[in-house]
Amino acid sequence: MPALADIVVKKADGSTDVTFTGVVPSAGDKTPAVWRSNSAGGAIGQRPELRLQSSSNGDGSARKMVANFSFPSLFTDTSTGRVSVDKRLNFTLSVAVPVEMPDADLAEAVEQGMNLCHATLIKSCLKAGYSAT
């Protein structure tokens, strides 16, 4: 089982690193591990966050993995100077990992699936809010 650790990703500029700090490890099934970008926002609720939880499916033939990513857009009230969350982008990824799939096939499936999510076309569709036409 992987141990909780910080995750470093690139910002949209392709060169600046953002660290998502491992905040809370999972305590077991249905309890998410939590990572947070502590360099953003002035309060916990104003920071981007990733939660990843796992559990068995109904018959135990697969492990269900659910990742929830939330990225806030902050707004500063010019009259009070108060910063608050204006909007949030929420991203959910759900994967059923078959427990009897050979390791090599599982590794290849995960790599290809995640690389597809990272593809320029898919990122462009998400930014536009529309699927490819």
N, C-alpha and C. Protein backbone atom coordinates (compact mmCIF):
# COMPACT_ATOMS: atom_id res chain seq x y z
N MET A 1 0.84 -1.17 0.00
CA MET A 1 0.00 0.00 0.00
C MET A 1 0.89 1.25 0.00
N PRO A 2 0.65 2.19 -0.90
CA PRO A 2 1.48 3.41 -0.94
C PRO A 2 1.32 4.24 0.34
N ALA A 3 2.41 4.87 0.75
CA ALA A 3 2.39 5.75 1.92
C ALA A 3 2.11 7.19 1.48
N LEU A 4 1.44 7.93 2.32
CA LEU A 4 1.13 9.34 2.04
C LEU A 4 2.44 10.12 1.88
N ALA A 5 2.50 10.93 0.83
CA ALA A 5 3.66 11.78 0.56
C ALA A 5 3.17 13.00 -0.20
N ASP A 6 3.98 14.04 -0.21
CA ASP A 6 3.64 15.23 -0.98
C ASP A 6 3.64 14.90 -2.47
N ILE A 7 2.83 15.63 -3.25
CA ILE A 7 2.76 15.46 -4.70
C ILE A 7 3.11 16.80 -5.33
N VAL A 8 4.05 16.80 -6.27
CA VAL A 8 4.45 18.03 -6.95
C VAL A 8 3.96 17.95 -8.40
N VAL A 9 3.23 18.99 -8.83
CA VAL A 9 2.72 19.09 -10.21
C VAL A 9 3.13 20.43 -10.79
N LYS A 10 3.01 20.55 -12.09
CA LYS A 10 3.32 21.81 -12.77
C LYS A 10 2.06 22.66 -12.89
N LYS A 11 2.23 23.98 -12.76
CA LYS A 11 1.14 24.91 -13.03
C LYS A 11 0.91 24.96 -14.54
N ALA A 12 -0.11 25.68 -14.96
CA ALA A 12 -0.45 25.80 -16.38
C ALA A 12 0.69 26.38 -17.21
N ASP A 13 1.59 27.14 -16.58
CA ASP A 13 2.71 27.72 -17.33
C ASP A 13 3.75 26.68 -17.73
N GLY A 14 3.61 25.45 -17.21
CA GLY A 14 4.50 24.36 -17.57
C GLY A 14 5.84 24.34 -16.88
N SER A 15 6.16 25.38 -16.08
CA SER A 15 7.47 25.41 -15.43
C SER A 15 7.41 25.59 -13.91
N THR A 16 6.35 26.18 -13.41
CA THR A 16 6.25 26.44 -11.97
C THR A 16 5.69 25.22 -11.25
N ASP A 17 6.39 24.78 -10.20
CA ASP A 17 5.93 23.65 -9.40
C ASP A 17 4.90 24.09 -8.36
N VAL A 18 3.90 23.23 -8.14
CA VAL A 18 2.93 23.40 -7.06
C VAL A 18 2.99 22.13 -6.23
N THR A 19 3.17 22.28 -4.94
CA THR A 19 3.22 21.13 -4.04
C THR A 19 1.88 20.94 -3.36
N PHE A 20 1.34 19.75 -3.51
CA PHE A 20 0.15 19.35 -2.75
C PHE A 20 0.66 18.53 -1.57
N THR A 21 0.56 19.12 -0.41
CA THR A 21 1.08 18.52 0.81
C THR A 21 0.13 17.43 1.31
N GLY A 22 0.69 16.28 1.65
CA GLY A 22 -0.12 15.22 2.26
C GLY A 22 -0.55 15.67 3.64
N VAL A 23 -1.86 15.87 3.81
CA VAL A 23 -2.39 16.43 5.05
C VAL A 23 -2.90 15.33 5.97
N VAL A 24 -3.67 14.39 5.41
CA VAL A 24 -4.27 13.33 6.22
C VAL A 24 -4.18 12.02 5.45
N PRO A 25 -3.54 11.00 6.03
CA PRO A 25 -3.55 9.70 5.36
C PRO A 25 -4.91 9.02 5.53
N SER A 26 -5.22 8.12 4.63
CA SER A 26 -6.45 7.36 4.76
C SER A 26 -6.37 6.46 5.99
N ALA A 27 -7.47 6.34 6.70
CA ALA A 27 -7.53 5.46 7.86
C ALA A 27 -8.09 4.09 7.48
N GLY A 28 -8.32 3.88 6.17
CA GLY A 28 -8.87 2.61 5.70
C GLY A 28 -9.97 2.85 4.69
N ASP A 29 -10.68 1.79 4.34
CA ASP A 29 -11.73 1.89 3.33
C ASP A 29 -12.73 3.01 3.64
N LYS A 30 -13.09 3.72 2.59
CA LYS A 30 -14.08 4.80 2.61
C LYS A 30 -13.63 6.04 3.37
N THR A 31 -12.37 6.07 3.79
CA THR A 31 -11.81 7.26 4.44
C THR A 31 -10.75 7.82 3.51
N PRO A 32 -10.96 9.05 2.99
CA PRO A 32 -10.02 9.56 1.99
C PRO A 32 -8.69 10.02 2.58
N ALA A 33 -7.65 9.88 1.76
CA ALA A 33 -6.39 10.58 2.02
C ALA A 33 -6.59 11.98 1.45
N VAL A 34 -5.98 12.99 2.08
CA VAL A 34 -6.19 14.38 1.66
C VAL A 34 -4.85 15.05 1.39
N TRP A 35 -4.78 15.74 0.24
CA TRP A 35 -3.64 16.57 -0.13
C TRP A 35 -4.15 17.97 -0.36
N ARG A 36 -3.35 18.97 0.01
CA ARG A 36 -3.78 20.37 -0.14
C ARG A 36 -2.61 21.22 -0.59
N SER A 37 -2.90 22.19 -1.47
CA SER A 37 -1.90 23.15 -1.90
C SER A 37 -1.88 24.29 -0.87
N ASN A 38 -0.95 24.20 0.06
CA ASN A 38 -0.90 25.18 1.16
C ASN A 38 -0.33 26.53 0.75
N SER A 39 0.19 26.63 -0.49
CA SER A 39 0.74 27.90 -0.94
C SER A 39 -0.33 28.82 -1.51
N ALA A 40 -1.55 28.32 -1.64
CA ALA A 40 -2.65 29.11 -2.20
C ALA A 40 -3.65 29.47 -1.11
N GLY A 41 -4.30 30.61 -1.27
CA GLY A 41 -5.35 31.01 -0.34
C GLY A 41 -4.83 31.31 1.05
N GLY A 42 -5.61 32.04 1.80
CA GLY A 42 -5.21 32.41 3.16
C GLY A 42 -5.86 31.56 4.22
N ALA A 43 -6.76 30.66 3.81
CA ALA A 43 -7.46 29.79 4.76
C ALA A 43 -7.65 28.42 4.12
N ILE A 44 -7.85 27.41 4.93
CA ILE A 44 -7.97 26.04 4.43
C ILE A 44 -9.04 25.94 3.35
N GLY A 45 -10.19 26.54 3.53
CA GLY A 45 -11.28 26.46 2.57
C GLY A 45 -11.03 27.20 1.28
N GLN A 46 -9.92 27.92 1.20
CA GLN A 46 -9.57 28.68 0.00
C GLN A 46 -8.46 28.02 -0.81
N ARG A 47 -8.13 26.78 -0.48
CA ARG A 47 -7.00 26.11 -1.11
C ARG A 47 -7.46 24.94 -1.99
N PRO A 48 -6.76 24.71 -3.10
CA PRO A 48 -7.05 23.52 -3.90
C PRO A 48 -6.79 22.26 -3.08
N GLU A 49 -7.62 21.23 -3.30
CA GLU A 49 -7.53 20.03 -2.49
C GLU A 49 -7.85 18.79 -3.32
N LEU A 50 -7.14 17.71 -3.04
CA LEU A 50 -7.40 16.41 -3.64
C LEU A 50 -7.73 15.43 -2.53
N ARG A 51 -8.80 14.67 -2.73
CA ARG A 51 -9.17 13.59 -1.81
C ARG A 51 -9.24 12.30 -2.60
N LEU A 52 -8.64 11.24 -2.08
CA LEU A 52 -8.66 9.94 -2.75
C LEU A 52 -9.07 8.88 -1.75
N GLN A 53 -10.16 8.18 -2.09
CA GLN A 53 -10.61 7.11 -1.20
C GLN A 53 -10.78 5.82 -1.97
N SER A 54 -10.72 4.72 -1.24
CA SER A 54 -10.85 3.40 -1.85
C SER A 54 -11.80 2.55 -1.04
N SER A 55 -12.41 1.57 -1.73
CA SER A 55 -13.27 0.60 -1.07
C SER A 55 -13.48 -0.57 -2.02
N SER A 56 -13.97 -1.67 -1.51
CA SER A 56 -14.30 -2.80 -2.36
C SER A 56 -15.66 -2.56 -3.00
N ASN A 57 -15.84 -3.09 -4.22
CA ASN A 57 -17.17 -3.02 -4.80
C ASN A 57 -18.05 -4.06 -4.11
N GLY A 58 -19.28 -4.19 -4.52
CA GLY A 58 -20.23 -5.07 -3.83
C GLY A 58 -19.81 -6.51 -3.70
N ASP A 59 -19.28 -7.12 -4.78
CA ASP A 59 -18.93 -8.54 -4.72
C ASP A 59 -17.44 -8.79 -4.47
N GLY A 60 -16.68 -7.72 -4.25
CA GLY A 60 -15.25 -7.86 -3.94
C GLY A 60 -14.38 -8.15 -5.15
N SER A 61 -14.94 -8.03 -6.36
CA SER A 61 -14.15 -8.32 -7.56
C SER A 61 -13.30 -7.14 -8.02
N ALA A 62 -13.52 -5.98 -7.42
CA ALA A 62 -12.77 -4.79 -7.81
C ALA A 62 -12.62 -3.85 -6.62
N ARG A 63 -11.59 -3.01 -6.71
CA ARG A 63 -11.39 -1.94 -5.73
C ARG A 63 -11.88 -0.66 -6.40
N LYS A 64 -12.78 0.03 -5.76
CA LYS A 64 -13.30 1.28 -6.31
C LYS A 64 -12.45 2.43 -5.76
N MET A 65 -11.86 3.19 -6.68
CA MET A 65 -11.03 4.34 -6.34
C MET A 65 -11.77 5.59 -6.79
N VAL A 66 -11.96 6.54 -5.89
CA VAL A 66 -12.65 7.79 -6.23
C VAL A 66 -11.76 8.95 -5.80
N ALA A 67 -11.39 9.78 -6.80
CA ALA A 67 -10.60 10.98 -6.55
C ALA A 67 -11.49 12.19 -6.75
N ASN A 68 -11.47 13.09 -5.79
CA ASN A 68 -12.21 14.35 -5.89
C ASN A 68 -11.21 15.49 -5.77
N PHE A 69 -11.18 16.34 -6.81
CA PHE A 69 -10.30 17.50 -6.82
C PHE A 69 -11.17 18.75 -6.81
N SER A 70 -10.82 19.71 -5.98
CA SER A 70 -11.58 20.95 -5.89
C SER A 70 -10.61 22.13 -5.96
N PHE A 71 -10.89 23.07 -6.88
CA PHE A 71 -10.02 24.22 -7.09
C PHE A 71 -10.86 25.49 -6.98
N PRO A 72 -10.62 26.30 -5.94
CA PRO A 72 -11.43 27.51 -5.75
C PRO A 72 -10.93 28.71 -6.56
N SER A 73 -11.87 29.56 -6.93
CA SER A 73 -11.56 30.87 -7.53
C SER A 73 -11.87 31.89 -6.44
N LEU A 74 -10.88 32.68 -6.09
CA LEU A 74 -11.03 33.61 -4.97
C LEU A 74 -11.46 34.99 -5.44
N PHE A 75 -12.19 35.67 -4.57
CA PHE A 75 -12.70 37.01 -4.83
C PHE A 75 -12.36 37.89 -3.64
N THR A 76 -11.83 39.09 -3.90
CA THR A 76 -11.53 40.03 -2.82
C THR A 76 -12.53 41.17 -2.86
N ASP A 77 -13.27 41.36 -1.78
CA ASP A 77 -14.22 42.46 -1.66
C ASP A 77 -13.41 43.75 -1.48
N THR A 78 -13.51 44.67 -2.43
CA THR A 78 -12.69 45.88 -2.39
C THR A 78 -13.05 46.80 -1.24
N SER A 79 -14.27 46.72 -0.75
CA SER A 79 -14.66 47.61 0.36
C SER A 79 -14.18 47.10 1.72
N THR A 80 -14.11 45.78 1.89
CA THR A 80 -13.70 45.23 3.18
C THR A 80 -12.33 44.56 3.15
N GLY A 81 -11.85 44.22 1.95
CA GLY A 81 -10.59 43.50 1.82
C GLY A 81 -10.72 42.02 2.12
N ARG A 82 -11.95 41.56 2.40
CA ARG A 82 -12.18 40.15 2.75
C ARG A 82 -12.08 39.28 1.49
N VAL A 83 -11.31 38.20 1.61
CA VAL A 83 -11.15 37.24 0.53
C VAL A 83 -12.10 36.07 0.77
N SER A 84 -12.83 35.68 -0.27
CA SER A 84 -13.74 34.55 -0.14
C SER A 84 -13.74 33.74 -1.43
N VAL A 85 -14.29 32.55 -1.35
CA VAL A 85 -14.38 31.68 -2.52
C VAL A 85 -15.58 32.14 -3.35
N ASP A 86 -15.31 32.47 -4.61
CA ASP A 86 -16.37 32.90 -5.52
C ASP A 86 -16.99 31.71 -6.23
N LYS A 87 -16.15 30.85 -6.79
CA LYS A 87 -16.60 29.66 -7.51
C LYS A 87 -15.60 28.55 -7.27
N ARG A 88 -15.99 27.32 -7.63
CA ARG A 88 -15.12 26.16 -7.48
C ARG A 88 -15.24 25.25 -8.67
N LEU A 89 -14.09 24.79 -9.19
CA LEU A 89 -14.08 23.73 -10.18
C LEU A 89 -13.94 22.43 -9.40
N ASN A 90 -14.87 21.51 -9.62
CA ASN A 90 -14.82 20.21 -8.96
C ASN A 90 -14.65 19.13 -10.01
N PHE A 91 -13.72 18.24 -9.77
CA PHE A 91 -13.35 17.20 -10.73
C PHE A 91 -13.40 15.87 -10.00
N THR A 92 -14.17 14.91 -10.52
CA THR A 92 -14.26 13.59 -9.91
C THR A 92 -13.81 12.53 -10.90
N LEU A 93 -12.98 11.63 -10.44
CA LEU A 93 -12.53 10.50 -11.24
C LEU A 93 -12.85 9.23 -10.45
N SER A 94 -13.56 8.31 -11.08
CA SER A 94 -13.91 7.06 -10.43
C SER A 94 -13.38 5.91 -11.27
N VAL A 95 -12.65 5.01 -10.64
CA VAL A 95 -12.03 3.90 -11.35
C VAL A 95 -12.32 2.60 -10.60
N ALA A 96 -12.74 1.58 -11.33
CA ALA A 96 -12.91 0.24 -10.74
C ALA A 96 -11.69 -0.58 -11.13
N VAL A 97 -10.88 -0.96 -10.15
CA VAL A 97 -9.65 -1.70 -10.38
C VAL A 97 -9.93 -3.19 -10.14
N PRO A 98 -10.01 -4.00 -11.21
CA PRO A 98 -10.29 -5.44 -11.03
C PRO A 98 -9.19 -6.12 -10.22
N VAL A 99 -9.56 -6.82 -9.17
CA VAL A 99 -8.56 -7.43 -8.30
C VAL A 99 -7.88 -8.64 -8.93
N GLU A 100 -8.47 -9.24 -9.96
CA GLU A 100 -7.87 -10.41 -10.60
C GLU A 100 -7.23 -10.09 -11.94
N MET A 101 -7.12 -8.81 -12.29
CA MET A 101 -6.46 -8.43 -13.55
C MET A 101 -4.95 -8.60 -13.36
N PRO A 102 -4.27 -9.19 -14.34
CA PRO A 102 -2.82 -9.34 -14.22
C PRO A 102 -2.14 -7.98 -14.01
N ASP A 103 -1.09 -7.95 -13.18
CA ASP A 103 -0.39 -6.71 -12.84
C ASP A 103 0.05 -5.93 -14.07
N ALA A 104 0.58 -6.63 -15.07
CA ALA A 104 1.07 -5.93 -16.27
C ALA A 104 -0.08 -5.25 -17.01
N ASP A 105 -1.22 -5.91 -17.13
CA ASP A 105 -2.38 -5.31 -17.79
C ASP A 105 -2.91 -4.14 -16.99
N LEU A 106 -2.96 -4.29 -15.66
CA LEU A 106 -3.42 -3.21 -14.79
C LEU A 106 -2.51 -1.99 -14.91
N ALA A 107 -1.21 -2.23 -14.88
CA ALA A 107 -0.26 -1.12 -14.99
C ALA A 107 -0.42 -0.40 -16.33
N GLU A 108 -0.58 -1.16 -17.40
CA GLU A 108 -0.74 -0.56 -18.73
C GLU A 108 -2.05 0.22 -18.82
N ALA A 109 -3.12 -0.34 -18.28
CA ALA A 109 -4.42 0.33 -18.30
C ALA A 109 -4.38 1.65 -17.55
N VAL A 110 -3.77 1.66 -16.37
CA VAL A 110 -3.66 2.89 -15.57
C VAL A 110 -2.84 3.93 -16.31
N GLU A 111 -1.69 3.54 -16.85
CA GLU A 111 -0.84 4.49 -17.58
C GLU A 111 -1.56 5.09 -18.77
N GLN A 112 -2.19 4.24 -19.59
CA GLN A 112 -2.87 4.77 -20.77
C GLN A 112 -4.07 5.64 -20.39
N GLY A 113 -4.85 5.20 -19.42
CA GLY A 113 -6.02 5.99 -19.01
C GLY A 113 -5.64 7.35 -18.46
N MET A 114 -4.63 7.38 -17.59
CA MET A 114 -4.21 8.66 -17.01
C MET A 114 -3.53 9.54 -18.05
N ASN A 115 -2.77 8.92 -18.97
CA ASN A 115 -2.15 9.70 -20.04
C ASN A 115 -3.20 10.30 -20.96
N LEU A 116 -4.29 9.58 -21.20
CA LEU A 116 -5.39 10.15 -21.99
C LEU A 116 -5.98 11.38 -21.28
N CYS A 117 -6.16 11.28 -19.97
CA CYS A 117 -6.69 12.43 -19.21
C CYS A 117 -5.74 13.62 -19.28
N HIS A 118 -4.45 13.35 -19.46
CA HIS A 118 -3.44 14.40 -19.52
C HIS A 118 -3.23 14.93 -20.94
N ALA A 119 -3.89 14.30 -21.93
CA ALA A 119 -3.72 14.68 -23.33
C ALA A 119 -4.20 16.11 -23.57
N THR A 120 -3.52 16.81 -24.45
CA THR A 120 -3.85 18.20 -24.78
C THR A 120 -5.30 18.34 -25.22
N LEU A 121 -5.79 17.43 -26.06
CA LEU A 121 -7.17 17.53 -26.53
C LEU A 121 -8.17 17.43 -25.38
N ILE A 122 -7.96 16.49 -24.48
CA ILE A 122 -8.88 16.33 -23.35
C ILE A 122 -8.82 17.56 -22.45
N LYS A 123 -7.62 18.07 -22.17
CA LYS A 123 -7.49 19.28 -21.35
C LYS A 123 -8.18 20.46 -22.03
N SER A 124 -8.06 20.57 -23.36
CA SER A 124 -8.74 21.64 -24.11
C SER A 124 -10.25 21.53 -23.99
N CYS A 125 -10.76 20.30 -24.08
CA CYS A 125 -12.21 20.10 -23.93
C CYS A 125 -12.68 20.53 -22.54
N LEU A 126 -11.92 20.16 -21.51
CA LEU A 126 -12.31 20.54 -20.15
C LEU A 126 -12.28 22.05 -19.97
N LYS A 127 -11.27 22.71 -20.53
CA LYS A 127 -11.16 24.17 -20.43
C LYS A 127 -12.32 24.85 -21.15
N ALA A 128 -12.76 24.27 -22.28
CA ALA A 128 -13.85 24.86 -23.05
C ALA A 128 -15.22 24.53 -22.47
N GLY A 129 -15.28 23.44 -21.69
CA GLY A 129 -16.55 23.01 -21.15
C GLY A 129 -17.39 22.21 -22.15
N TYR A 130 -16.75 21.74 -23.22
CA TYR A 130 -17.44 20.97 -24.26
C TYR A 130 -16.56 19.82 -24.70
N SER A 131 -17.21 18.72 -25.09
CA SER A 131 -16.50 17.59 -25.65
C SER A 131 -16.05 17.92 -27.06
N ALA A 132 -15.15 17.13 -27.60
CA ALA A 132 -14.66 17.36 -28.96
C ALA A 132 -15.79 17.13 -29.96
N THR A 133 -15.86 17.97 -30.98
CA THR A 133 -16.93 17.85 -31.98
C THR A 133 -16.36 17.47 -33.33
